[in-house]
Amino acid sequence: MVNKLYIVGSGPGDPELLTIKAFKAIKNAQVILFDNLVNVDLLDLAPKNCVKCYVGKKPYGKYVPQKNINELIVSFCNKFQRVIRLKGGDPYIFGRGFEEWLTARAHGIEVEYIPGISSMQGAGMNAIPLTHRDVSEGVWAMTGMKRDGSFATDLALAVRSKSTVVIYMGMQKLHEIARTYVLYNKGDMPVAVIQHASLPQQKMVRGVVKDLAKICEVQNVSHPAIIVIGEVVNMQYAQQFAAAQQIVI
């Protein structure tokens, strides 16, 4: 067997949302490099002699530099045949998974990518569909903060669309997000902020985007959280109304 790196998505938090392919990879792992957002219960699936190495990042806090993670990947893959890089959500959606793929391939290491359910899909567990043909023409998934810490300017483009906007890593940019919507006269657009999606301690708040910072402060919702903006946020209320009126949506 050749030495191989598996870049694996563990899903939004609930361990039962792990894919079967990811489950099999973890069950046979010799090394697991895992992130902060990975449910640690998943580590119990690994063999007892598996090396488990935390390389996560606390939101806006202490973290293992990406350079160090890349070095660990190469080092472990030179010694072991089955190395798992386990990430929360999906590794290729703001998870730096492909950066690690490039690192491994540059060193001649075989790589297999195993997708995970993303945290934005976890929003659907709260009766928030990402799309609905009557109110949303698509989905913009974006980061609220660029690599240098500045605000993601693509939001100004997304605001003008008729699509759902999903913002990752935006909890330090709540005022900027609200200001952008107000600037385009869309301050009353529905918004939901979901913290710890799919987990028992999940917390969600709803409101309109112009009040985004205020509702998060009042309800004490912070990171890690995902922000969903668009008419789809109110779809569960439309469904309840339809049921009461015996209308099919």
Protein backbone atom coordinates (compact mmCIF):
# COMPACT_ATOMS: atom_id res chain seq x y z
CA MET A 1 0.00 0.00 0.00
CA VAL A 2 1.09 3.57 -0.72
CA ASN A 3 0.99 6.26 1.94
CA LYS A 4 -2.14 8.34 1.53
CA LEU A 5 -3.76 11.48 2.92
CA TYR A 6 -7.55 11.53 3.31
CA ILE A 7 -9.07 15.02 3.49
CA VAL A 8 -12.35 14.31 5.27
CA GLY A 9 -15.39 16.45 6.10
CA SER A 10 -17.02 15.57 9.41
CA GLY A 11 -20.22 17.58 8.87
CA PRO A 12 -21.71 20.48 10.86
CA GLY A 13 -21.43 18.85 14.29
CA ASP A 14 -23.96 16.08 14.79
CA PRO A 15 -21.88 12.87 14.54
CA GLU A 16 -24.79 11.07 12.88
CA LEU A 17 -24.38 13.35 9.86
CA LEU A 18 -21.02 11.75 9.07
CA THR A 19 -20.99 10.01 5.68
CA ILE A 20 -20.41 6.27 5.46
CA LYS A 21 -17.25 6.85 3.43
CA ALA A 22 -15.87 9.17 6.11
CA PHE A 23 -16.84 6.65 8.80
CA LYS A 24 -14.85 3.91 7.06
CA ALA A 25 -11.82 6.16 6.65
CA ILE A 26 -11.78 7.09 10.35
CA LYS A 27 -12.23 3.45 11.40
CA ASN A 28 -9.02 2.56 9.55
CA ALA A 29 -6.97 5.66 10.37
CA GLN A 30 -3.43 5.49 11.69
CA VAL A 31 -3.22 9.27 12.23
CA ILE A 32 -5.97 11.89 12.57
CA LEU A 33 -5.21 15.61 12.39
CA PHE A 34 -8.43 17.26 13.57
CA ASP A 35 -9.86 20.77 13.78
CA ASN A 36 -11.62 22.71 16.51
CA LEU A 37 -15.07 22.26 14.92
CA VAL A 38 -14.82 18.47 14.72
CA ASN A 39 -17.08 16.62 17.16
CA VAL A 40 -14.55 14.79 19.36
CA ASP A 41 -16.95 11.83 19.69
CA LEU A 42 -15.89 10.91 16.16
CA LEU A 43 -12.36 10.27 17.37
CA ASP A 44 -13.67 7.30 19.35
CA LEU A 45 -14.34 5.56 16.03
CA ALA A 46 -10.62 5.37 15.32
CA PRO A 47 -8.44 2.40 16.32
CA LYS A 48 -6.97 2.58 19.85
CA ASN A 49 -3.44 2.96 18.53
CA CYS A 50 -4.36 5.80 16.19
CA VAL A 51 -2.34 9.01 16.68
CA LYS A 52 -4.75 11.91 17.29
CA CYS A 53 -3.29 15.36 16.81
CA TYR A 54 -5.23 18.59 17.43
CA VAL A 55 -4.41 21.29 14.89
CA GLY A 56 -7.47 23.49 15.29
CA LYS A 57 -8.19 27.16 15.60
CA LYS A 58 -10.35 28.76 18.26
CA PRO A 59 -12.38 31.47 16.52
CA TYR A 60 -10.39 34.70 16.71
CA GLY A 61 -8.09 33.04 19.24
CA LYS A 62 -5.12 30.70 19.48
CA TYR A 63 -4.45 28.51 16.47
CA VAL A 64 -1.95 26.22 14.80
CA PRO A 65 -0.48 28.09 11.79
CA GLN A 66 -1.29 26.57 8.42
CA LYS A 67 2.42 26.23 7.67
CA ASN A 68 2.81 23.97 10.72
CA ILE A 69 -0.21 21.90 9.70
CA ASN A 70 1.25 21.39 6.24
CA GLU A 71 4.54 20.26 7.77
CA LEU A 72 2.71 17.78 10.02
CA ILE A 73 0.79 16.38 7.06
CA VAL A 74 3.98 15.74 5.13
CA SER A 75 5.78 14.32 8.17
CA PHE A 76 3.00 11.89 9.11
CA CYS A 77 2.39 10.84 5.51
CA ASN A 78 6.06 9.92 5.21
CA LYS A 79 5.65 7.51 8.14
CA PHE A 80 2.08 6.20 7.94
CA GLN A 81 -0.12 4.79 5.18
CA ARG A 82 -3.49 6.18 6.28
CA VAL A 83 -3.45 9.79 7.51
CA ILE A 84 -6.78 11.57 8.02
CA ARG A 85 -7.12 15.35 7.89
CA LEU A 86 -10.49 15.71 9.63
CA LYS A 87 -12.33 19.01 9.29
CA GLY A 88 -15.69 20.39 10.37
CA GLY A 89 -18.33 20.84 7.67
CA ASP A 90 -16.91 20.34 4.21
CA PRO A 91 -13.12 20.79 3.76
CA TYR A 92 -13.48 22.58 0.43
CA ILE A 93 -15.96 25.21 1.67
CA PHE A 94 -13.81 27.76 3.51
CA GLY A 95 -11.91 24.91 5.13
CA ARG A 96 -8.49 25.25 3.46
CA GLY A 97 -8.83 21.65 2.36
CA PHE A 98 -7.56 22.24 -1.14
CA GLU A 99 -4.52 24.12 0.17
CA GLU A 100 -3.61 20.94 2.03
CA TRP A 101 -4.34 18.85 -1.07
CA LEU A 102 -1.84 20.98 -2.99
CA THR A 103 0.77 20.60 -0.24
CA ALA A 104 0.43 16.82 -0.21
CA ARG A 105 0.54 16.47 -3.97
CA ALA A 106 3.61 18.74 -4.17
CA HIS A 107 5.39 16.16 -2.00
CA GLY A 108 4.21 13.22 -4.07
CA ILE A 109 1.59 12.08 -1.55
CA GLU A 110 -1.60 10.39 -2.76
CA VAL A 111 -4.75 12.26 -1.66
CA GLU A 112 -8.42 11.34 -1.43
CA TYR A 113 -11.08 13.96 -0.71
CA ILE A 114 -14.19 12.85 1.18
CA PRO A 115 -16.87 15.58 1.21
CA GLY A 116 -18.84 16.48 4.31
CA ILE A 117 -22.21 18.11 4.92
CA SER A 118 -21.50 21.82 5.17
CA SER A 119 -22.66 24.02 8.02
CA MET A 120 -24.82 26.03 5.62
CA GLN A 121 -26.73 22.83 4.84
CA GLY A 122 -27.21 22.46 8.58
CA ALA A 123 -29.38 25.56 8.36
CA GLY A 124 -31.98 23.44 6.61
CA MET A 125 -32.47 21.51 9.85
CA ASN A 126 -34.08 24.70 11.17
CA ALA A 127 -36.69 24.86 8.39
CA ILE A 128 -34.52 27.24 6.37
CA PRO A 129 -34.09 25.96 2.81
CA LEU A 130 -31.17 27.53 0.99
CA THR A 131 -33.28 27.86 -2.14
CA HIS A 132 -36.98 28.00 -2.91
CA ARG A 133 -38.23 28.66 -6.41
CA ASP A 134 -40.65 31.39 -5.33
CA VAL A 135 -38.19 33.54 -3.37
CA SER A 136 -34.58 32.57 -4.18
CA GLU A 137 -32.80 32.13 -7.49
CA GLY A 138 -29.59 30.71 -6.04
CA VAL A 139 -27.09 30.78 -3.19
CA TRP A 140 -24.10 33.01 -2.52
CA ALA A 141 -21.76 31.35 -0.03
CA MET A 142 -19.05 33.73 1.11
CA THR A 143 -16.66 34.57 3.88
CA GLY A 144 -17.31 37.64 5.99
CA MET A 145 -13.59 38.14 6.54
CA LYS A 146 -10.80 37.88 4.00
CA ARG A 147 -7.35 36.46 4.68
CA ASP A 148 -6.01 39.84 5.81
CA GLY A 149 -8.93 40.38 8.21
CA SER A 150 -10.73 42.92 6.03
CA PHE A 151 -14.41 42.79 5.14
CA ALA A 152 -15.39 40.73 2.10
CA THR A 153 -16.45 43.25 -0.54
CA ASP A 154 -18.27 40.65 -2.67
CA LEU A 155 -21.26 41.11 -0.37
CA ALA A 156 -22.08 44.31 -2.27
CA LEU A 157 -22.63 42.15 -5.37
CA ALA A 158 -24.63 39.48 -3.56
CA VAL A 159 -26.98 42.02 -1.99
CA ARG A 160 -28.18 43.07 -5.44
CA SER A 161 -29.08 39.53 -6.45
CA LYS A 162 -32.29 37.59 -5.80
CA SER A 163 -30.42 34.79 -4.09
CA THR A 164 -29.92 33.56 -0.54
CA VAL A 165 -26.70 34.84 1.03
CA VAL A 166 -24.81 32.59 3.44
CA ILE A 167 -21.90 34.13 5.32
CA TYR A 168 -19.20 32.13 7.05
CA MET A 169 -16.80 33.75 9.52
CA GLY A 170 -18.88 36.90 9.71
CA MET A 171 -19.48 37.35 13.43
CA GLN A 172 -16.86 40.09 13.72
CA LYS A 173 -18.35 41.92 10.75
CA LEU A 174 -22.01 42.21 11.78
CA HIS A 175 -22.09 46.00 11.54
CA GLU A 176 -20.48 45.97 8.10
CA ILE A 177 -22.95 43.34 6.86
CA ALA A 178 -25.93 45.33 8.11
CA ARG A 179 -24.53 48.56 6.67
CA THR A 180 -24.16 47.00 3.24
CA TYR A 181 -27.81 45.90 3.15
CA VAL A 182 -29.03 49.26 4.39
CA LEU A 183 -26.97 50.98 1.70
CA TYR A 184 -28.91 49.08 -0.96
CA ASN A 185 -32.27 49.69 0.75
CA LYS A 186 -32.56 46.08 1.87
CA GLY A 187 -32.24 46.57 5.61
CA ASP A 188 -35.53 44.72 6.19
CA MET A 189 -34.30 41.51 4.57
CA PRO A 190 -34.88 38.52 6.91
CA VAL A 191 -31.80 37.10 8.61
CA ALA A 192 -31.04 34.10 10.81
CA VAL A 193 -27.87 33.47 12.79
CA ILE A 194 -27.28 29.85 13.77
CA GLN A 195 -24.66 28.95 16.37
CA HIS A 196 -23.51 25.32 16.79
CA ALA A 197 -25.81 24.12 13.99
CA SER A 198 -27.12 20.55 14.41
CA LEU A 199 -25.83 20.18 18.00
CA PRO A 200 -27.90 19.99 21.21
CA GLN A 201 -26.57 23.40 22.32
CA GLN A 202 -27.60 25.00 19.03
CA LYS A 203 -28.90 28.54 19.32
CA MET A 204 -30.67 30.50 16.58
CA VAL A 205 -31.94 34.06 16.35
CA ARG A 206 -34.02 35.70 13.65
CA GLY A 207 -34.72 39.26 12.68
CA VAL A 208 -34.02 41.73 9.91
CA VAL A 209 -30.51 42.37 8.70
CA LYS A 210 -30.37 46.05 9.72
CA ASP A 211 -30.64 44.85 13.35
CA LEU A 212 -28.11 42.04 12.94
CA ALA A 213 -25.59 43.19 15.53
CA LYS A 214 -28.27 44.08 18.06
CA ILE A 215 -30.14 40.75 17.91
CA CYS A 216 -26.90 38.80 18.28
CA GLU A 217 -25.86 40.89 21.28
CA VAL A 218 -29.25 40.70 23.00
CA GLN A 219 -29.57 36.94 22.46
CA ASN A 220 -25.88 36.32 23.23
CA VAL A 221 -25.14 34.52 19.97
CA SER A 222 -21.50 34.45 18.94
CA HIS A 223 -19.05 32.30 17.00
CA PRO A 224 -18.95 29.70 15.68
CA ALA A 225 -22.07 30.66 13.78
CA ILE A 226 -23.35 30.96 10.25
CA ILE A 227 -25.44 33.85 8.91
CA VAL A 228 -28.27 33.23 6.44
CA ILE A 229 -29.87 36.23 4.73
CA GLY A 230 -32.87 36.14 2.41
CA GLU A 231 -36.57 35.48 2.14
CA VAL A 232 -35.94 31.76 2.72
CA VAL A 233 -35.43 32.57 6.40
CA ASN A 234 -39.18 33.11 6.69
CA MET A 235 -40.20 30.00 4.77
CA GLN A 236 -41.15 28.02 7.90
CA TYR A 237 -43.70 30.70 8.76
CA ALA A 238 -45.11 30.51 5.24
CA GLN A 239 -45.35 26.74 5.63
CA GLN A 240 -47.18 27.05 8.95
CA PHE A 241 -49.60 29.53 7.42
CA ALA A 242 -50.17 27.28 4.43
CA ALA A 243 -50.89 24.30 6.67
CA ALA A 244 -53.43 26.31 8.61
CA GLN A 245 -55.10 27.41 5.37
CA GLN A 246 -54.71 23.99 3.70
CA ILE A 247 -52.61 25.54 0.96
CA VAL A 248 -49.91 23.51 -0.77
CA ILE A 249 -46.55 25.34 -1.12
